[in-house]
């Protein structure tokens, strides 16, 4: 009987001091909203072309909305799809994750959407996709910004 009481006391004591960590909950909010709302363009899916680009997010105080800028490596169909779901994505979570009350600093989010079998065209080094990953409008990203963890999805 004493053993049972002792085990019960230890379990209650352990339960009172053990708690889960809240690490990266905001990043997972953005990733889950991205995965839930995104519909990968059929043309890219049929061609087995994965997407690998950087999304630059900055809050516009006057318009009270987030402005998105895509790296030069983003496919036009992928840009169109992300702009379609832009208002459904939880970008506030990213700013909360970095503890940025001031939303003037842009956040760079690398996004990678992988395919089960990638086209040989995508892995061809002459396509220069990786060289344009951090280029915006033909120029390399420059200035003050924060890099977020990449969002990776399998399609």
C-alpha atoms as a PDB file:
ATOM      1  CA  UNK A   1       0.000   0.000   0.000  1.00  0.00           C
ATOM      2  CA  UNK A   2       2.851   2.361   0.849  1.00  0.00           C
ATOM      3  CA  UNK A   3       4.404   1.648  -2.546  1.00  0.00           C
ATOM      4  CA  UNK A   4       1.185   2.573  -4.353  1.00  0.00           C
ATOM      5  CA  UNK A   5       0.881   5.830  -2.410  1.00  0.00           C
ATOM      6  CA  UNK A   6       4.531   6.642  -3.076  1.00  0.00           C
ATOM      7  CA  UNK A   7       4.129   5.954  -6.823  1.00  0.00           C
ATOM      8  CA  UNK A   8       0.981   8.112  -6.956  1.00  0.00           C
ATOM      9  CA  UNK A   9       2.780  10.992  -5.180  1.00  0.00           C
ATOM     10  CA  UNK A  10       5.761  10.743  -7.550  1.00  0.00           C
ATOM     11  CA  UNK A  11       3.497  10.716 -10.612  1.00  0.00           C
ATOM     12  CA  UNK A  12       1.527  13.752  -9.389  1.00  0.00           C
ATOM     13  CA  UNK A  13       4.759  15.589  -8.526  1.00  0.00           C
ATOM     14  CA  UNK A  14       6.284  14.758 -11.920  1.00  0.00           C
ATOM     15  CA  UNK A  15       3.148  15.874 -13.757  1.00  0.00           C
ATOM     16  CA  UNK A  16       3.218  19.229 -11.990  1.00  0.00           C
ATOM     17  CA  UNK A  17       6.775  20.055 -13.101  1.00  0.00           C
ATOM     18  CA  UNK A  18       6.708  18.656 -16.656  1.00  0.00           C
ATOM     19  CA  UNK A  19       5.369  20.908 -19.397  1.00  0.00           C
ATOM     20  CA  UNK A  20       5.636  21.063 -23.155  1.00  0.00           C
ATOM     21  CA  UNK A  21       7.733  23.626 -24.929  1.00  0.00           C
ATOM     22  CA  UNK A  22       6.189  26.192 -27.221  1.00  0.00           C
ATOM     23  CA  UNK A  23       9.096  26.283 -29.669  1.00  0.00           C
ATOM     24  CA  UNK A  24       8.454  27.227 -33.297  1.00  0.00           C
ATOM     25  CA  UNK A  25       4.679  27.180 -32.880  1.00  0.00           C
ATOM     26  CA  UNK A  26       4.368  30.302 -35.050  1.00  0.00           C
ATOM     27  CA  UNK A  27       6.421  28.853 -37.890  1.00  0.00           C
ATOM     28  CA  UNK A  28       4.235  25.768 -37.838  1.00  0.00           C
ATOM     29  CA  UNK A  29       1.141  28.028 -37.984  1.00  0.00           C
ATOM     30  CA  UNK A  30       2.424  29.627 -41.182  1.00  0.00           C
ATOM     31  CA  UNK A  31       3.448  26.291 -42.665  1.00  0.00           C
ATOM     32  CA  UNK A  32       0.114  24.667 -41.850  1.00  0.00           C
ATOM     33  CA  UNK A  33      -1.867  27.584 -43.299  1.00  0.00           C
ATOM     34  CA  UNK A  34       0.355  27.469 -46.396  1.00  0.00           C
ATOM     35  CA  UNK A  35      -0.107  23.714 -46.835  1.00  0.00           C
ATOM     36  CA  UNK A  36      -3.863  23.903 -46.219  1.00  0.00           C
ATOM     37  CA  UNK A  37      -4.659  26.659 -48.719  1.00  0.00           C
ATOM     38  CA  UNK A  38      -2.077  26.031 -51.463  1.00  0.00           C
ATOM     39  CA  UNK A  39      -3.158  24.267 -54.645  1.00  0.00           C
ATOM     40  CA  UNK A  40      -0.062  23.386 -56.611  1.00  0.00           C
ATOM     41  CA  UNK A  41      -0.516  24.519 -60.245  1.00  0.00           C
ATOM     42  CA  UNK A  42      -1.525  21.568 -62.456  1.00  0.00           C
ATOM     43  CA  UNK A  43       0.916  22.572 -65.200  1.00  0.00           C
ATOM     44  CA  UNK A  44       3.844  22.382 -62.777  1.00  0.00           C
ATOM     45  CA  UNK A  45       2.597  19.131 -61.314  1.00  0.00           C
ATOM     46  CA  UNK A  46       2.209  17.509 -64.764  1.00  0.00           C
ATOM     47  CA  UNK A  47       5.705  18.641 -65.765  1.00  0.00           C
ATOM     48  CA  UNK A  48       7.057  17.331 -62.408  1.00  0.00           C
ATOM     49  CA  UNK A  49       8.606  20.729 -61.679  1.00  0.00           C
ATOM     50  CA  UNK A  50       9.225  21.461 -58.009  1.00  0.00           C
ATOM     51  CA  UNK A  51       9.272  25.049 -56.770  1.00  0.00           C
ATOM     52  CA  UNK A  52      12.168  26.648 -54.949  1.00  0.00           C
ATOM     53  CA  UNK A  53      11.970  30.379 -54.285  1.00  0.00           C
ATOM     54  CA  UNK A  54      12.269  33.024 -51.607  1.00  0.00           C
ATOM     55  CA  UNK A  55       9.320  35.062 -50.427  1.00  0.00           C
ATOM     56  CA  UNK A  56      10.025  38.530 -49.047  1.00  0.00           C
ATOM     57  CA  UNK A  57       7.263  39.649 -46.671  1.00  0.00           C
ATOM     58  CA  UNK A  58       6.910  43.224 -45.439  1.00  0.00           C
ATOM     59  CA  UNK A  59       4.054  44.897 -43.613  1.00  0.00           C
ATOM     60  CA  UNK A  60       2.638  48.072 -45.175  1.00  0.00           C
ATOM     61  CA  UNK A  61       1.359  50.307 -42.366  1.00  0.00           C
ATOM     62  CA  UNK A  62      -0.656  52.609 -44.653  1.00  0.00           C
ATOM     63  CA  UNK A  63      -2.531  49.809 -46.415  1.00  0.00           C
ATOM     64  CA  UNK A  64      -2.539  47.634 -43.255  1.00  0.00           C
ATOM     65  CA  UNK A  65      -1.581  44.558 -45.249  1.00  0.00           C
ATOM     66  CA  UNK A  66       1.451  42.444 -46.102  1.00  0.00           C
ATOM     67  CA  UNK A  67       3.311  43.097 -49.353  1.00  0.00           C
ATOM     68  CA  UNK A  68       4.912  40.071 -50.958  1.00  0.00           C
ATOM     69  CA  UNK A  69       7.883  40.045 -53.277  1.00  0.00           C
ATOM     70  CA  UNK A  70       9.081  36.883 -54.999  1.00  0.00           C
ATOM     71  CA  UNK A  71      12.625  35.946 -55.906  1.00  0.00           C
ATOM     72  CA  UNK A  72      13.490  35.612 -59.579  1.00  0.00           C
ATOM     73  CA  UNK A  73      13.499  31.806 -59.203  1.00  0.00           C
ATOM     74  CA  UNK A  74       9.712  31.719 -58.586  1.00  0.00           C
ATOM     75  CA  UNK A  75       7.646  30.338 -61.443  1.00  0.00           C
ATOM     76  CA  UNK A  76       4.894  32.751 -62.636  1.00  0.00           C
ATOM     77  CA  UNK A  77       2.195  30.141 -61.908  1.00  0.00           C
ATOM     78  CA  UNK A  78       3.509  29.739 -58.361  1.00  0.00           C
ATOM     79  CA  UNK A  79       3.488  33.519 -57.870  1.00  0.00           C
ATOM     80  CA  UNK A  80      -0.131  33.629 -59.029  1.00  0.00           C
ATOM     81  CA  UNK A  81      -1.106  30.851 -56.592  1.00  0.00           C
ATOM     82  CA  UNK A  82       0.610  32.410 -53.558  1.00  0.00           C
ATOM     83  CA  UNK A  83      -0.975  35.782 -54.333  1.00  0.00           C
ATOM     84  CA  UNK A  84      -4.357  34.027 -54.496  1.00  0.00           C
ATOM     85  CA  UNK A  85      -3.993  32.691 -50.942  1.00  0.00           C
ATOM     86  CA  UNK A  86      -1.997  35.616 -49.512  1.00  0.00           C
ATOM     87  CA  UNK A  87      -4.783  36.862 -47.224  1.00  0.00           C
ATOM     88  CA  UNK A  88      -5.276  33.377 -45.764  1.00  0.00           C
ATOM     89  CA  UNK A  89      -1.632  32.972 -44.680  1.00  0.00           C
ATOM     90  CA  UNK A  90      -0.665  33.793 -41.113  1.00  0.00           C
ATOM     91  CA  UNK A  91       2.312  36.141 -41.561  1.00  0.00           C
ATOM     92  CA  UNK A  92       1.674  37.677 -38.135  1.00  0.00           C
ATOM     93  CA  UNK A  93       2.918  34.403 -36.675  1.00  0.00           C
ATOM     94  CA  UNK A  94       6.344  34.936 -38.230  1.00  0.00           C
ATOM     95  CA  UNK A  95       6.693  38.403 -36.742  1.00  0.00           C
ATOM     96  CA  UNK A  96       5.501  37.056 -33.389  1.00  0.00           C
ATOM     97  CA  UNK A  97       8.051  34.238 -33.629  1.00  0.00           C
ATOM     98  CA  UNK A  98      10.868  36.787 -33.961  1.00  0.00           C
ATOM     99  CA  UNK A  99       9.342  39.017 -31.241  1.00  0.00           C
ATOM    100  CA  UNK A 100       9.122  41.936 -33.639  1.00  0.00           C
ATOM    101  CA  UNK A 101       6.551  44.429 -32.445  1.00  0.00           C
ATOM    102  CA  UNK A 102       7.815  46.775 -35.146  1.00  0.00           C
ATOM    103  CA  UNK A 103       6.872  45.214 -38.468  1.00  0.00           C
ATOM    104  CA  UNK A 104       9.116  47.469 -40.583  1.00  0.00           C
ATOM    105  CA  UNK A 105      11.816  44.831 -41.066  1.00  0.00           C
ATOM    106  CA  UNK A 106      11.123  42.452 -43.977  1.00  0.00           C
ATOM    107  CA  UNK A 107      11.267  38.700 -43.446  1.00  0.00           C
ATOM    108  CA  UNK A 108      12.751  36.386 -46.085  1.00  0.00           C
ATOM    109  CA  UNK A 109      11.114  32.952 -46.195  1.00  0.00           C
ATOM    110  CA  UNK A 110      12.738  30.302 -48.398  1.00  0.00           C
ATOM    111  CA  UNK A 111      10.006  28.016 -49.783  1.00  0.00           C
ATOM    112  CA  UNK A 112      10.649  24.600 -51.250  1.00  0.00           C
ATOM    113  CA  UNK A 113       7.919  22.432 -52.709  1.00  0.00           C
ATOM    114  CA  UNK A 114       9.305  19.011 -53.552  1.00  0.00           C
ATOM    115  CA  UNK A 115       7.861  16.523 -56.012  1.00  0.00           C
ATOM    116  CA  UNK A 116       7.924  12.733 -55.719  1.00  0.00           C
ATOM    117  CA  UNK A 117       9.973  12.594 -58.906  1.00  0.00           C
ATOM    118  CA  UNK A 118      11.551  15.797 -60.147  1.00  0.00           C
ATOM    119  CA  UNK A 119      11.993  16.575 -63.804  1.00  0.00           C
ATOM    120  CA  UNK A 120      15.566  16.353 -65.138  1.00  0.00           C
ATOM    121  CA  UNK A 121      15.060  19.932 -66.365  1.00  0.00           C
ATOM    122  CA  UNK A 122      14.897  21.133 -62.759  1.00  0.00           C
ATOM    123  CA  UNK A 123      18.201  19.538 -61.794  1.00  0.00           C
ATOM    124  CA  UNK A 124      19.959  20.882 -64.889  1.00  0.00           C
ATOM    125  CA  UNK A 125      22.636  23.359 -63.669  1.00  0.00           C
ATOM    126  CA  UNK A 126      22.063  25.625 -66.670  1.00  0.00           C
ATOM    127  CA  UNK A 127      18.562  26.568 -65.401  1.00  0.00           C
ATOM    128  CA  UNK A 128      20.234  28.724 -62.724  1.00  0.00           C
ATOM    129  CA  UNK A 129      17.326  28.327 -60.289  1.00  0.00           C
ATOM    130  CA  UNK A 130      19.609  28.350 -57.264  1.00  0.00           C
ATOM    131  CA  UNK A 131      21.467  31.407 -58.595  1.00  0.00           C
ATOM    132  CA  UNK A 132      18.225  33.388 -58.683  1.00  0.00           C
ATOM    133  CA  UNK A 133      17.012  32.239 -55.264  1.00  0.00           C
ATOM    134  CA  UNK A 134      17.988  35.514 -53.571  1.00  0.00           C
ATOM    135  CA  UNK A 135      17.641  37.809 -56.570  1.00  0.00           C
ATOM    136  CA  UNK A 136      14.702  40.171 -56.697  1.00  0.00           C
ATOM    137  CA  UNK A 137      14.023  41.981 -59.981  1.00  0.00           C
ATOM    138  CA  UNK A 138      17.450  40.986 -61.262  1.00  0.00           C
ATOM    139  CA  UNK A 139      19.384  42.258 -58.235  1.00  0.00           C
ATOM    140  CA  UNK A 140      20.672  40.378 -55.238  1.00  0.00           C
ATOM    141  CA  UNK A 141      18.798  41.000 -51.979  1.00  0.00           C
ATOM    142  CA  UNK A 142      20.427  43.809 -50.036  1.00  0.00           C
ATOM    143  CA  UNK A 143      19.575  45.652 -46.844  1.00  0.00           C
ATOM    144  CA  UNK A 144      18.196  44.787 -43.449  1.00  0.00           C
ATOM    145  CA  UNK A 145      15.958  41.713 -43.272  1.00  0.00           C
ATOM    146  CA  UNK A 146      15.461  38.588 -41.204  1.00  0.00           C
ATOM    147  CA  UNK A 147      15.762  35.063 -42.594  1.00  0.00           C
ATOM    148  CA  UNK A 148      13.078  32.659 -41.447  1.00  0.00           C
ATOM    149  CA  UNK A 149      13.333  28.879 -41.419  1.00  0.00           C
ATOM    150  CA  UNK A 150      12.482  27.413 -44.821  1.00  0.00           C
ATOM    151  CA  UNK A 151       8.986  26.095 -45.485  1.00  0.00           C
ATOM    152  CA  UNK A 152       9.212  22.660 -47.082  1.00  0.00           C
ATOM    153  CA  UNK A 153       6.287  20.750 -48.540  1.00  0.00           C
ATOM    154  CA  UNK A 154       6.050  17.464 -50.443  1.00  0.00           C
ATOM    155  CA  UNK A 155       3.657  17.286 -53.346  1.00  0.00           C
END
